[in-house]
Amino acid sequence: MAKNQNAYYKEIMESIAKYRKQGFGIDQLEEIRQGLEHWVKASVYAKPQFSYEVMRELRKALEDRIHLEKYAGVGAEMLRELHLAILDHQNIIPYIKAGYVPEQLSEIRRAMKEGCKIDPYLNTAYRGAAIREIVEGMEEGLDVKTYADVEYSWQQMREIRLGLEKRLDVTVYSKKLYSWQQMREIRIGLEEN
């Protein structure tokens, strides 16, 4: 067994030497090495034009028998979201086509996983944190229409959500001109009567 293992590692080192001659950087070579050690066909993702981050995401997907190389141009973070969505049996391609970025897609995936029907409240103008506030409200059974508005920052959304959770009259402070800090002070005041 040890003899076969030594021969395998020697083969890996020879392969890495070939890739080194092709101009791959040290981080790229590390991704190639890790792929070879996990029995992944490195030639699928070992392209000099791919950053090591993109190579890493492609390698990790291949370890799960998922081929994402045709999406390599979208970048590492987007590849990570695609990989995770596929593992969760979710289709986020329509959201990618709509222009959502990885930070937003992460929250959309979470909503999908929790069974939240978030589509009516989505907007590409939201940051990921704003989408998270909407999802948290939906999970609590709140009327998220009260604060699902692109004119609110995610911090303002949080303050309104927290007020709704406490069954406060949020109309007192859910004014778009109030900063989230002002909203927080009013909410705390309402909580303490």
N, C-alpha and C. Protein backbone atom coordinates (compact mmCIF):
# COMPACT_ATOMS: atom_id res chain seq x y z
N MET A 1 0.83 -1.19 0.00
CA MET A 1 0.00 0.00 0.00
C MET A 1 0.87 1.26 0.00
N ALA A 2 1.89 1.29 0.85
CA ALA A 2 2.76 2.45 0.95
C ALA A 2 3.49 2.69 -0.36
N LYS A 3 3.85 1.58 -1.05
CA LYS A 3 4.53 1.69 -2.33
C LYS A 3 3.62 2.37 -3.36
N ASN A 4 2.34 1.96 -3.40
CA ASN A 4 1.38 2.56 -4.32
C ASN A 4 1.14 4.02 -3.98
N GLN A 5 1.08 4.31 -2.70
CA GLN A 5 0.85 5.69 -2.26
C GLN A 5 2.03 6.57 -2.66
N ASN A 6 3.23 6.08 -2.47
CA ASN A 6 4.42 6.84 -2.87
C ASN A 6 4.43 7.07 -4.37
N ALA A 7 4.07 6.07 -5.12
CA ALA A 7 4.03 6.21 -6.58
C ALA A 7 2.98 7.25 -6.99
N TYR A 8 1.85 7.25 -6.29
CA TYR A 8 0.78 8.21 -6.58
C TYR A 8 1.25 9.63 -6.30
N TYR A 9 1.89 9.85 -5.16
CA TYR A 9 2.38 11.19 -4.83
C TYR A 9 3.49 11.64 -5.78
N LYS A 10 4.28 10.71 -6.24
CA LYS A 10 5.31 11.04 -7.22
C LYS A 10 4.65 11.50 -8.52
N GLU A 11 3.58 10.81 -8.91
CA GLU A 11 2.84 11.18 -10.12
C GLU A 11 2.23 12.57 -9.98
N ILE A 12 1.72 12.88 -8.79
CA ILE A 12 1.15 14.21 -8.53
C ILE A 12 2.23 15.28 -8.68
N MET A 13 3.38 15.02 -8.10
CA MET A 13 4.47 16.00 -8.16
C MET A 13 4.95 16.21 -9.59
N GLU A 14 4.96 15.15 -10.37
CA GLU A 14 5.36 15.28 -11.78
C GLU A 14 4.33 16.11 -12.56
N SER A 15 3.06 15.89 -12.25
CA SER A 15 2.00 16.67 -12.91
C SER A 15 2.12 18.15 -12.55
N ILE A 16 2.37 18.43 -11.28
CA ILE A 16 2.51 19.81 -10.83
C ILE A 16 3.70 20.48 -11.51
N ALA A 17 4.78 19.73 -11.68
CA ALA A 17 5.96 20.28 -12.36
C ALA A 17 5.61 20.67 -13.80
N LYS A 18 4.78 19.88 -14.46
CA LYS A 18 4.35 20.20 -15.82
C LYS A 18 3.53 21.49 -15.83
N TYR A 19 2.63 21.63 -14.86
CA TYR A 19 1.81 22.84 -14.78
C TYR A 19 2.67 24.07 -14.45
N ARG A 20 3.67 23.87 -13.62
CA ARG A 20 4.56 24.98 -13.25
C ARG A 20 5.24 25.54 -14.51
N LYS A 21 5.64 24.65 -15.40
CA LYS A 21 6.30 25.07 -16.64
C LYS A 21 5.35 25.86 -17.55
N GLN A 22 4.04 25.69 -17.35
CA GLN A 22 3.05 26.40 -18.16
C GLN A 22 2.78 27.81 -17.62
N GLY A 23 3.44 28.18 -16.54
CA GLY A 23 3.31 29.55 -16.02
C GLY A 23 2.28 29.75 -14.94
N PHE A 24 1.82 28.69 -14.33
CA PHE A 24 0.86 28.82 -13.23
C PHE A 24 1.54 29.39 -12.00
N GLY A 25 0.83 30.23 -11.27
CA GLY A 25 1.35 30.79 -10.03
C GLY A 25 1.27 29.79 -8.89
N ILE A 26 1.87 30.14 -7.78
CA ILE A 26 1.94 29.23 -6.62
C ILE A 26 0.55 28.88 -6.08
N ASP A 27 -0.35 29.87 -6.04
CA ASP A 27 -1.71 29.61 -5.53
C ASP A 27 -2.48 28.72 -6.50
N GLN A 28 -2.29 28.94 -7.78
CA GLN A 28 -2.94 28.09 -8.79
C GLN A 28 -2.42 26.66 -8.69
N LEU A 29 -1.11 26.52 -8.51
CA LEU A 29 -0.51 25.19 -8.38
C LEU A 29 -1.05 24.46 -7.15
N GLU A 30 -1.30 25.20 -6.09
CA GLU A 30 -1.86 24.60 -4.87
C GLU A 30 -3.25 24.03 -5.16
N GLU A 31 -4.06 24.75 -5.93
CA GLU A 31 -5.40 24.25 -6.29
C GLU A 31 -5.29 23.01 -7.17
N ILE A 32 -4.32 23.00 -8.06
CA ILE A 32 -4.10 21.83 -8.91
C ILE A 32 -3.69 20.64 -8.04
N ARG A 33 -2.76 20.88 -7.11
CA ARG A 33 -2.32 19.80 -6.22
C ARG A 33 -3.48 19.23 -5.42
N GLN A 34 -4.28 20.11 -4.84
CA GLN A 34 -5.40 19.63 -4.03
C GLN A 34 -6.39 18.83 -4.87
N GLY A 35 -6.62 19.29 -6.10
CA GLY A 35 -7.50 18.53 -6.97
C GLY A 35 -6.98 17.15 -7.28
N LEU A 36 -5.70 17.08 -7.61
CA LEU A 36 -5.09 15.78 -7.92
C LEU A 36 -5.13 14.85 -6.71
N GLU A 37 -4.91 15.41 -5.53
CA GLU A 37 -4.97 14.58 -4.32
C GLU A 37 -6.37 14.05 -4.04
N HIS A 38 -7.38 14.76 -4.53
CA HIS A 38 -8.77 14.32 -4.32
C HIS A 38 -9.35 13.65 -5.56
N TRP A 39 -8.47 13.23 -6.44
CA TRP A 39 -8.84 12.48 -7.64
C TRP A 39 -9.73 13.29 -8.58
N VAL A 40 -9.51 14.58 -8.60
CA VAL A 40 -10.25 15.45 -9.51
C VAL A 40 -9.39 15.69 -10.75
N LYS A 41 -10.02 15.66 -11.89
CA LYS A 41 -9.30 15.89 -13.14
C LYS A 41 -8.95 17.38 -13.23
N ALA A 42 -7.73 17.70 -12.90
CA ALA A 42 -7.28 19.09 -12.82
C ALA A 42 -7.34 19.81 -14.15
N SER A 43 -7.20 19.10 -15.24
CA SER A 43 -7.19 19.75 -16.55
C SER A 43 -8.51 20.47 -16.84
N VAL A 44 -9.58 20.10 -16.13
CA VAL A 44 -10.88 20.73 -16.32
C VAL A 44 -10.84 22.19 -15.85
N TYR A 45 -10.13 22.46 -14.78
CA TYR A 45 -10.11 23.82 -14.21
C TYR A 45 -8.74 24.49 -14.22
N ALA A 46 -7.71 23.75 -14.59
CA ALA A 46 -6.36 24.31 -14.59
C ALA A 46 -6.11 25.08 -15.88
N LYS A 47 -6.56 26.32 -15.87
CA LYS A 47 -6.39 27.21 -17.01
C LYS A 47 -5.64 28.44 -16.51
N PRO A 48 -4.55 28.83 -17.16
CA PRO A 48 -3.77 29.97 -16.67
C PRO A 48 -4.58 31.25 -16.51
N GLN A 49 -5.63 31.43 -17.31
CA GLN A 49 -6.43 32.65 -17.23
C GLN A 49 -7.37 32.67 -16.02
N PHE A 50 -7.57 31.52 -15.37
CA PHE A 50 -8.42 31.48 -14.19
C PHE A 50 -7.62 31.88 -12.97
N SER A 51 -8.19 32.74 -12.14
CA SER A 51 -7.54 33.06 -10.87
C SER A 51 -7.57 31.82 -9.99
N TYR A 52 -6.72 31.81 -8.98
CA TYR A 52 -6.73 30.63 -8.09
C TYR A 52 -8.07 30.52 -7.36
N GLU A 53 -8.74 31.67 -7.12
CA GLU A 53 -10.04 31.62 -6.44
C GLU A 53 -11.07 30.91 -7.32
N VAL A 54 -11.07 31.23 -8.61
CA VAL A 54 -11.98 30.56 -9.54
C VAL A 54 -11.62 29.08 -9.63
N MET A 55 -10.33 28.78 -9.72
CA MET A 55 -9.90 27.38 -9.77
C MET A 55 -10.36 26.63 -8.52
N ARG A 56 -10.27 27.28 -7.37
CA ARG A 56 -10.69 26.64 -6.11
C ARG A 56 -12.18 26.28 -6.15
N GLU A 57 -13.00 27.22 -6.58
CA GLU A 57 -14.44 26.95 -6.61
C GLU A 57 -14.79 25.88 -7.63
N LEU A 58 -14.12 25.88 -8.76
CA LEU A 58 -14.35 24.83 -9.75
C LEU A 58 -13.91 23.48 -9.21
N ARG A 59 -12.76 23.46 -8.52
CA ARG A 59 -12.25 22.21 -7.94
C ARG A 59 -13.22 21.68 -6.89
N LYS A 60 -13.67 22.55 -6.00
CA LYS A 60 -14.59 22.10 -4.95
C LYS A 60 -15.88 21.55 -5.54
N ALA A 61 -16.38 22.20 -6.59
CA ALA A 61 -17.58 21.71 -7.26
C ALA A 61 -17.33 20.33 -7.88
N LEU A 62 -16.17 20.18 -8.53
CA LEU A 62 -15.84 18.90 -9.14
C LEU A 62 -15.73 17.79 -8.09
N GLU A 63 -15.25 18.14 -6.90
CA GLU A 63 -15.18 17.14 -5.82
C GLU A 63 -16.58 16.63 -5.47
N ASP A 64 -17.60 17.45 -5.72
CA ASP A 64 -18.99 17.04 -5.50
C ASP A 64 -19.65 16.57 -6.80
N ARG A 65 -18.82 16.34 -7.82
CA ARG A 65 -19.27 15.87 -9.14
C ARG A 65 -20.19 16.88 -9.82
N ILE A 66 -19.90 18.15 -9.64
CA ILE A 66 -20.66 19.23 -10.25
C ILE A 66 -19.72 19.98 -11.20
N HIS A 67 -20.13 20.09 -12.44
CA HIS A 67 -19.32 20.79 -13.45
C HIS A 67 -19.83 22.21 -13.62
N LEU A 68 -18.99 23.17 -13.23
CA LEU A 68 -19.35 24.58 -13.35
C LEU A 68 -18.41 25.35 -14.27
N GLU A 69 -17.54 24.63 -14.95
CA GLU A 69 -16.52 25.32 -15.74
C GLU A 69 -17.10 26.25 -16.81
N LYS A 70 -18.29 25.97 -17.30
CA LYS A 70 -18.87 26.86 -18.31
C LYS A 70 -19.28 28.20 -17.71
N TYR A 71 -19.34 28.27 -16.38
CA TYR A 71 -19.68 29.52 -15.69
C TYR A 71 -18.45 30.23 -15.11
N ALA A 72 -17.27 29.76 -15.44
CA ALA A 72 -16.04 30.29 -14.83
C ALA A 72 -15.91 31.80 -14.96
N GLY A 73 -16.48 32.38 -15.99
CA GLY A 73 -16.38 33.81 -16.22
C GLY A 73 -17.13 34.67 -15.22
N VAL A 74 -18.01 34.08 -14.42
CA VAL A 74 -18.80 34.89 -13.48
C VAL A 74 -18.05 35.22 -12.20
N GLY A 75 -16.92 34.60 -11.98
CA GLY A 75 -16.12 34.88 -10.79
C GLY A 75 -16.31 33.86 -9.68
N ALA A 76 -15.38 33.89 -8.74
CA ALA A 76 -15.33 32.88 -7.68
C ALA A 76 -16.53 32.92 -6.75
N GLU A 77 -16.94 34.11 -6.32
CA GLU A 77 -18.05 34.19 -5.38
C GLU A 77 -19.35 33.67 -6.00
N MET A 78 -19.57 34.01 -7.26
CA MET A 78 -20.77 33.54 -7.95
C MET A 78 -20.72 32.03 -8.13
N LEU A 79 -19.54 31.51 -8.45
CA LEU A 79 -19.38 30.05 -8.56
C LEU A 79 -19.70 29.36 -7.25
N ARG A 80 -19.26 29.95 -6.15
CA ARG A 80 -19.55 29.38 -4.82
C ARG A 80 -21.06 29.32 -4.59
N GLU A 81 -21.76 30.40 -4.93
CA GLU A 81 -23.21 30.42 -4.74
C GLU A 81 -23.90 29.39 -5.63
N LEU A 82 -23.45 29.27 -6.86
CA LEU A 82 -24.01 28.25 -7.77
C LEU A 82 -23.80 26.85 -7.22
N HIS A 83 -22.59 26.58 -6.75
CA HIS A 83 -22.25 25.28 -6.20
C HIS A 83 -23.17 24.95 -5.01
N LEU A 84 -23.26 25.89 -4.07
CA LEU A 84 -24.10 25.66 -2.89
C LEU A 84 -25.57 25.49 -3.25
N ALA A 85 -26.04 26.27 -4.23
CA ALA A 85 -27.43 26.15 -4.66
C ALA A 85 -27.70 24.77 -5.26
N ILE A 86 -26.78 24.29 -6.07
CA ILE A 86 -26.96 22.97 -6.67
C ILE A 86 -26.97 21.88 -5.60
N LEU A 87 -26.09 22.02 -4.61
CA LEU A 87 -26.08 21.05 -3.52
C LEU A 87 -27.41 21.04 -2.76
N ASP A 88 -28.05 22.22 -2.67
CA ASP A 88 -29.34 22.33 -1.98
C ASP A 88 -30.53 22.12 -2.91
N HIS A 89 -30.26 21.72 -4.16
CA HIS A 89 -31.31 21.49 -5.16
C HIS A 89 -32.14 22.75 -5.39
N GLN A 90 -31.44 23.88 -5.52
CA GLN A 90 -32.09 25.16 -5.77
C GLN A 90 -31.63 25.70 -7.13
N ASN A 91 -32.54 26.39 -7.79
CA ASN A 91 -32.20 26.99 -9.08
C ASN A 91 -32.09 28.51 -8.89
N ILE A 92 -30.86 29.00 -8.87
CA ILE A 92 -30.67 30.44 -8.72
C ILE A 92 -30.30 31.12 -10.04
N ILE A 93 -30.29 30.37 -11.12
CA ILE A 93 -29.94 30.92 -12.43
C ILE A 93 -30.85 32.11 -12.80
N PRO A 94 -32.16 32.04 -12.57
CA PRO A 94 -33.00 33.21 -12.91
C PRO A 94 -32.58 34.47 -12.14
N TYR A 95 -32.12 34.29 -10.92
CA TYR A 95 -31.70 35.44 -10.12
C TYR A 95 -30.36 35.99 -10.62
N ILE A 96 -29.50 35.09 -11.07
CA ILE A 96 -28.23 35.53 -11.64
C ILE A 96 -28.50 36.32 -12.92
N LYS A 97 -29.39 35.79 -13.76
CA LYS A 97 -29.74 36.48 -15.00
C LYS A 97 -30.40 37.83 -14.73
N ALA A 98 -31.12 37.93 -13.61
CA ALA A 98 -31.78 39.19 -13.25
C ALA A 98 -30.80 40.23 -12.72
N GLY A 99 -29.57 39.80 -12.44
CA GLY A 99 -28.55 40.76 -12.01
C GLY A 99 -28.21 40.75 -10.54
N TYR A 100 -28.68 39.76 -9.80
CA TYR A 100 -28.33 39.68 -8.38
C TYR A 100 -26.87 39.28 -8.22
N VAL A 101 -26.23 39.81 -7.21
CA VAL A 101 -24.81 39.55 -6.94
C VAL A 101 -24.69 38.50 -5.83
N PRO A 102 -23.49 37.94 -5.65
CA PRO A 102 -23.33 36.85 -4.67
C PRO A 102 -23.87 37.15 -3.27
N GLU A 103 -23.64 38.36 -2.77
CA GLU A 103 -24.13 38.72 -1.43
C GLU A 103 -25.65 38.57 -1.36
N GLN A 104 -26.33 38.98 -2.40
CA GLN A 104 -27.78 38.86 -2.45
C GLN A 104 -28.21 37.41 -2.65
N LEU A 105 -27.48 36.72 -3.52
CA LEU A 105 -27.82 35.32 -3.83
C LEU A 105 -27.71 34.44 -2.60
N SER A 106 -26.76 34.73 -1.75
CA SER A 106 -26.61 33.96 -0.51
C SER A 106 -27.88 34.05 0.33
N GLU A 107 -28.44 35.24 0.43
CA GLU A 107 -29.67 35.43 1.21
C GLU A 107 -30.88 34.84 0.49
N ILE A 108 -30.90 34.93 -0.83
CA ILE A 108 -31.99 34.33 -1.60
C ILE A 108 -31.98 32.82 -1.42
N ARG A 109 -30.78 32.23 -1.45
CA ARG A 109 -30.66 30.78 -1.23
C ARG A 109 -31.19 30.40 0.14
N ARG A 110 -30.83 31.20 1.13
CA ARG A 110 -31.31 30.95 2.50
C ARG A 110 -32.84 31.00 2.55
N ALA A 111 -33.42 32.00 1.90
CA ALA A 111 -34.88 32.12 1.88
C ALA A 111 -35.51 30.90 1.21
N MET A 112 -34.92 30.48 0.09
CA MET A 112 -35.44 29.31 -0.62
C MET A 112 -35.36 28.08 0.27
N LYS A 113 -34.25 27.95 0.99
CA LYS A 113 -34.05 26.79 1.86
C LYS A 113 -35.07 26.77 2.99
N GLU A 114 -35.43 27.97 3.48
CA GLU A 114 -36.40 28.08 4.57
C GLU A 114 -37.84 28.02 4.06
N GLY A 115 -38.01 27.98 2.74
CA GLY A 115 -39.35 27.90 2.16
C GLY A 115 -40.07 29.24 2.11
N CYS A 116 -39.34 30.33 2.24
CA CYS A 116 -39.94 31.67 2.18
C CYS A 116 -40.21 32.04 0.72
N LYS A 117 -41.38 32.55 0.47
CA LYS A 117 -41.77 33.03 -0.87
C LYS A 117 -41.35 34.49 -0.98
N ILE A 118 -40.09 34.69 -1.24
CA ILE A 118 -39.51 36.03 -1.20
C ILE A 118 -39.61 36.80 -2.51
N ASP A 119 -39.91 36.13 -3.60
CA ASP A 119 -39.91 36.78 -4.91
C ASP A 119 -40.70 38.10 -4.98
N PRO A 120 -41.90 38.19 -4.39
CA PRO A 120 -42.63 39.46 -4.49
C PRO A 120 -41.91 40.66 -3.84
N TYR A 121 -40.97 40.37 -2.97
CA TYR A 121 -40.29 41.44 -2.23
C TYR A 121 -38.87 41.71 -2.72
N LEU A 122 -38.42 40.95 -3.69
CA LEU A 122 -37.04 41.10 -4.15
C LEU A 122 -36.86 42.29 -5.08
N ASN A 123 -35.68 42.87 -4.99
CA ASN A 123 -35.30 43.97 -5.86
C ASN A 123 -33.78 43.97 -5.93
N THR A 124 -33.22 44.11 -7.11
CA THR A 124 -31.76 44.09 -7.24
C THR A 124 -31.10 45.26 -6.53
N ALA A 125 -31.89 46.26 -6.14
CA ALA A 125 -31.34 47.42 -5.42
C ALA A 125 -31.05 47.10 -3.96
N TYR A 126 -31.62 46.02 -3.44
CA TYR A 126 -31.38 45.64 -2.04
C TYR A 126 -29.98 45.09 -1.86
N ARG A 127 -29.37 45.43 -0.74
CA ARG A 127 -28.15 44.75 -0.34
C ARG A 127 -28.55 43.39 0.23
N GLY A 128 -27.59 42.50 0.37
CA GLY A 128 -27.87 41.19 0.95
C GLY A 128 -28.47 41.30 2.34
N ALA A 129 -27.99 42.25 3.12
CA ALA A 129 -28.48 42.43 4.50
C ALA A 129 -29.96 42.83 4.50
N ALA A 130 -30.39 43.60 3.51
CA ALA A 130 -31.80 43.99 3.42
C ALA A 130 -32.67 42.77 3.11
N ILE A 131 -32.18 41.93 2.22
CA ILE A 131 -32.91 40.70 1.91
C ILE A 131 -32.99 39.82 3.15
N ARG A 132 -31.90 39.78 3.93
CA ARG A 132 -31.91 39.01 5.18
C ARG A 132 -33.00 39.52 6.13
N GLU A 133 -33.15 40.84 6.23
CA GLU A 133 -34.18 41.41 7.11
C GLU A 133 -35.57 41.00 6.66
N ILE A 134 -35.79 40.97 5.37
CA ILE A 134 -37.10 40.54 4.85
C ILE A 134 -37.33 39.07 5.17
N VAL A 135 -36.32 38.25 4.97
CA VAL A 135 -36.45 36.81 5.25
C VAL A 135 -36.70 36.59 6.74
N GLU A 136 -35.97 37.29 7.59
CA GLU A 136 -36.18 37.12 9.04
C GLU A 136 -37.59 37.51 9.43
N GLY A 137 -38.10 38.56 8.82
CA GLY A 137 -39.48 38.95 9.09
C GLY A 137 -40.48 37.90 8.63
N MET A 138 -40.24 37.35 7.46
CA MET A 138 -41.13 36.30 6.94
C MET A 138 -41.11 35.08 7.85
N GLU A 139 -39.92 34.73 8.35
CA GLU A 139 -39.81 33.58 9.25
C GLU A 139 -40.59 33.81 10.54
N GLU A 140 -40.71 35.07 10.94
CA GLU A 140 -41.46 35.40 12.17
C GLU A 140 -42.94 35.62 11.89
N GLY A 141 -43.34 35.51 10.62
CA GLY A 141 -44.74 35.69 10.27
C GLY A 141 -45.17 37.15 10.25
N LEU A 142 -44.23 38.07 10.07
CA LEU A 142 -44.54 39.49 10.07
C LEU A 142 -45.00 39.97 8.70
N ASP A 143 -45.69 41.09 8.68
CA ASP A 143 -46.10 41.72 7.42
C ASP A 143 -44.90 42.52 6.91
N VAL A 144 -44.07 41.89 6.11
CA VAL A 144 -42.83 42.52 5.65
C VAL A 144 -43.07 43.65 4.66
N LYS A 145 -44.30 43.76 4.13
CA LYS A 145 -44.62 44.87 3.23
C LYS A 145 -44.42 46.20 3.94
N THR A 146 -44.50 46.19 5.26
CA THR A 146 -44.33 47.40 6.06
C THR A 146 -42.96 48.01 5.84
N TYR A 147 -41.95 47.18 5.63
CA TYR A 147 -40.59 47.71 5.50
C TYR A 147 -39.82 47.23 4.27
N ALA A 148 -40.41 46.38 3.46
CA ALA A 148 -39.74 45.91 2.24
C ALA A 148 -39.83 47.01 1.19
N ASP A 149 -38.95 47.97 1.33
CA ASP A 149 -38.97 49.16 0.48
C ASP A 149 -37.52 49.58 0.23
N VAL A 150 -37.16 49.78 -1.03
CA VAL A 150 -35.77 50.11 -1.36
C VAL A 150 -35.33 51.45 -0.79
N GLU A 151 -36.26 52.26 -0.35
CA GLU A 151 -35.88 53.55 0.23
C GLU A 151 -35.40 53.42 1.68
N TYR A 152 -35.63 52.26 2.28
CA TYR A 152 -35.11 52.00 3.62
C TYR A 152 -33.74 51.35 3.51
N SER A 153 -32.82 51.71 4.39
CA SER A 153 -31.56 50.97 4.49
C SER A 153 -31.87 49.67 5.22
N TRP A 154 -30.93 48.75 5.18
CA TRP A 154 -31.16 47.48 5.88
C TRP A 154 -31.26 47.70 7.38
N GLN A 155 -30.55 48.72 7.91
CA GLN A 155 -30.61 49.01 9.34
C GLN A 155 -31.99 49.55 9.72
N GLN A 156 -32.56 50.39 8.85
CA GLN A 156 -33.91 50.89 9.10
C GLN A 156 -34.91 49.72 9.06
N MET A 157 -34.72 48.85 8.09
CA MET A 157 -35.58 47.66 8.00
C MET A 157 -35.52 46.85 9.29
N ARG A 158 -34.30 46.69 9.81
CA ARG A 158 -34.13 45.92 11.05
C ARG A 158 -34.91 46.55 12.19
N GLU A 159 -34.83 47.87 12.31
CA GLU A 159 -35.53 48.54 13.41
C GLU A 159 -37.04 48.38 13.29
N ILE A 160 -37.55 48.47 12.07
CA ILE A 160 -39.00 48.27 11.88
C ILE A 160 -39.36 46.82 12.17
N ARG A 161 -38.53 45.89 11.70
CA ARG A 161 -38.81 44.46 11.96
C ARG A 161 -38.83 44.18 13.46
N LEU A 162 -37.84 44.72 14.18
CA LEU A 162 -37.79 44.50 15.63
C LEU A 162 -39.02 45.07 16.32
N GLY A 163 -39.49 46.22 15.84
CA GLY A 163 -40.71 46.80 16.39
C GLY A 163 -41.93 45.93 16.11
N LEU A 164 -42.01 45.41 14.90
CA LEU A 164 -43.12 44.53 14.55
C LEU A 164 -43.11 43.27 15.41
N GLU A 165 -41.92 42.75 15.67
CA GLU A 165 -41.81 41.56 16.52
C GLU A 165 -42.34 41.83 17.92
N LYS A 166 -42.16 43.06 18.41
CA LYS A 166 -42.63 43.43 19.76
C LYS A 166 -44.06 43.94 19.74
N ARG A 167 -44.69 43.90 18.56
CA ARG A 167 -46.08 44.36 18.38
C ARG A 167 -46.24 45.84 18.70
N LEU A 168 -45.23 46.62 18.34
CA LEU A 168 -45.27 48.06 18.55
C LEU A 168 -45.96 48.74 17.37
N ASP A 169 -46.41 49.97 17.58
CA ASP A 169 -46.97 50.77 16.50
C ASP A 169 -45.80 51.40 15.74
N VAL A 170 -45.31 50.69 14.73
CA VAL A 170 -44.12 51.13 14.01
C VAL A 170 -44.38 52.35 13.14
N THR A 171 -45.66 52.71 12.94
CA THR A 171 -45.95 53.90 12.13
C THR A 171 -45.40 55.16 12.80
N VAL A 172 -45.18 55.10 14.11
CA VAL A 172 -44.64 56.24 14.85
C VAL A 172 -43.23 56.59 14.37
N TYR A 173 -42.45 55.57 14.00
CA TYR A 173 -41.05 55.83 13.62
C TYR A 173 -40.63 55.30 12.25
N SER A 174 -41.51 54.69 11.52
CA SER A 174 -41.10 54.14 10.21
C SER A 174 -41.16 55.21 9.12
N LYS A 175 -40.55 56.33 9.44
CA LYS A 175 -40.46 57.45 8.50
C LYS A 175 -39.10 57.36 7.80
N LYS A 176 -39.11 57.45 6.50
CA LYS A 176 -37.87 57.27 5.73
C LYS A 176 -36.82 58.34 6.04
N LEU A 177 -37.27 59.49 6.55
CA LEU A 177 -36.33 60.56 6.87
C LEU A 177 -35.57 60.30 8.17
N TYR A 178 -36.09 59.40 9.00
CA TYR A 178 -35.39 59.07 10.25
C TYR A 178 -34.20 58.17 9.94
N SER A 179 -33.10 58.43 10.58
CA SER A 179 -31.95 57.51 10.46
C SER A 179 -32.29 56.25 11.26
N TRP A 180 -31.53 55.21 11.02
CA TRP A 180 -31.81 53.98 11.77
C TRP A 180 -31.55 54.18 13.26
N GLN A 181 -30.60 55.07 13.60
CA GLN A 181 -30.31 55.35 15.01
C GLN A 181 -31.52 56.04 15.66
N GLN A 182 -32.13 56.97 14.93
CA GLN A 182 -33.32 57.64 15.46
C GLN A 182 -34.45 56.63 15.62
N MET A 183 -34.61 55.78 14.62
CA MET A 183 -35.64 54.74 14.70
C MET A 183 -35.43 53.85 15.92
N ARG A 184 -34.17 53.49 16.16
CA ARG A 184 -33.85 52.63 17.30
C ARG A 184 -34.24 53.29 18.61
N GLU A 185 -33.90 54.57 18.75
CA GLU A 185 -34.22 55.28 19.99
C GLU A 185 -35.73 55.35 20.22
N ILE A 186 -36.48 55.63 19.16
CA ILE A 186 -37.95 55.68 19.29
C ILE A 186 -38.49 54.30 19.62
N ARG A 187 -37.95 53.28 18.94
CA ARG A 187 -38.43 51.90 19.21
C ARG A 187 -38.17 51.51 20.65
N ILE A 188 -36.97 51.81 21.15
CA ILE A 188 -36.65 51.48 22.55
C ILE A 188 -37.57 52.24 23.49
N GLY A 189 -37.83 53.51 23.16
CA GLY A 189 -38.76 54.30 23.97
C GLY A 189 -40.15 53.69 23.99
N LEU A 190 -40.63 53.23 22.84
CA LEU A 190 -41.95 52.60 22.79
C LEU A 190 -41.98 51.30 23.59
N GLU A 191 -40.88 50.55 23.53
CA GLU A 191 -40.82 49.31 24.29
C GLU A 191 -40.91 49.56 25.79
N GLU A 192 -40.32 50.70 26.20
CA GLU A 192 -40.31 51.02 27.64
C GLU A 192 -41.47 51.93 28.05
N ASN A 193 -42.41 52.14 27.11
CA ASN A 193 -43.56 53.02 27.35
C ASN A 193 -43.13 54.44 27.68
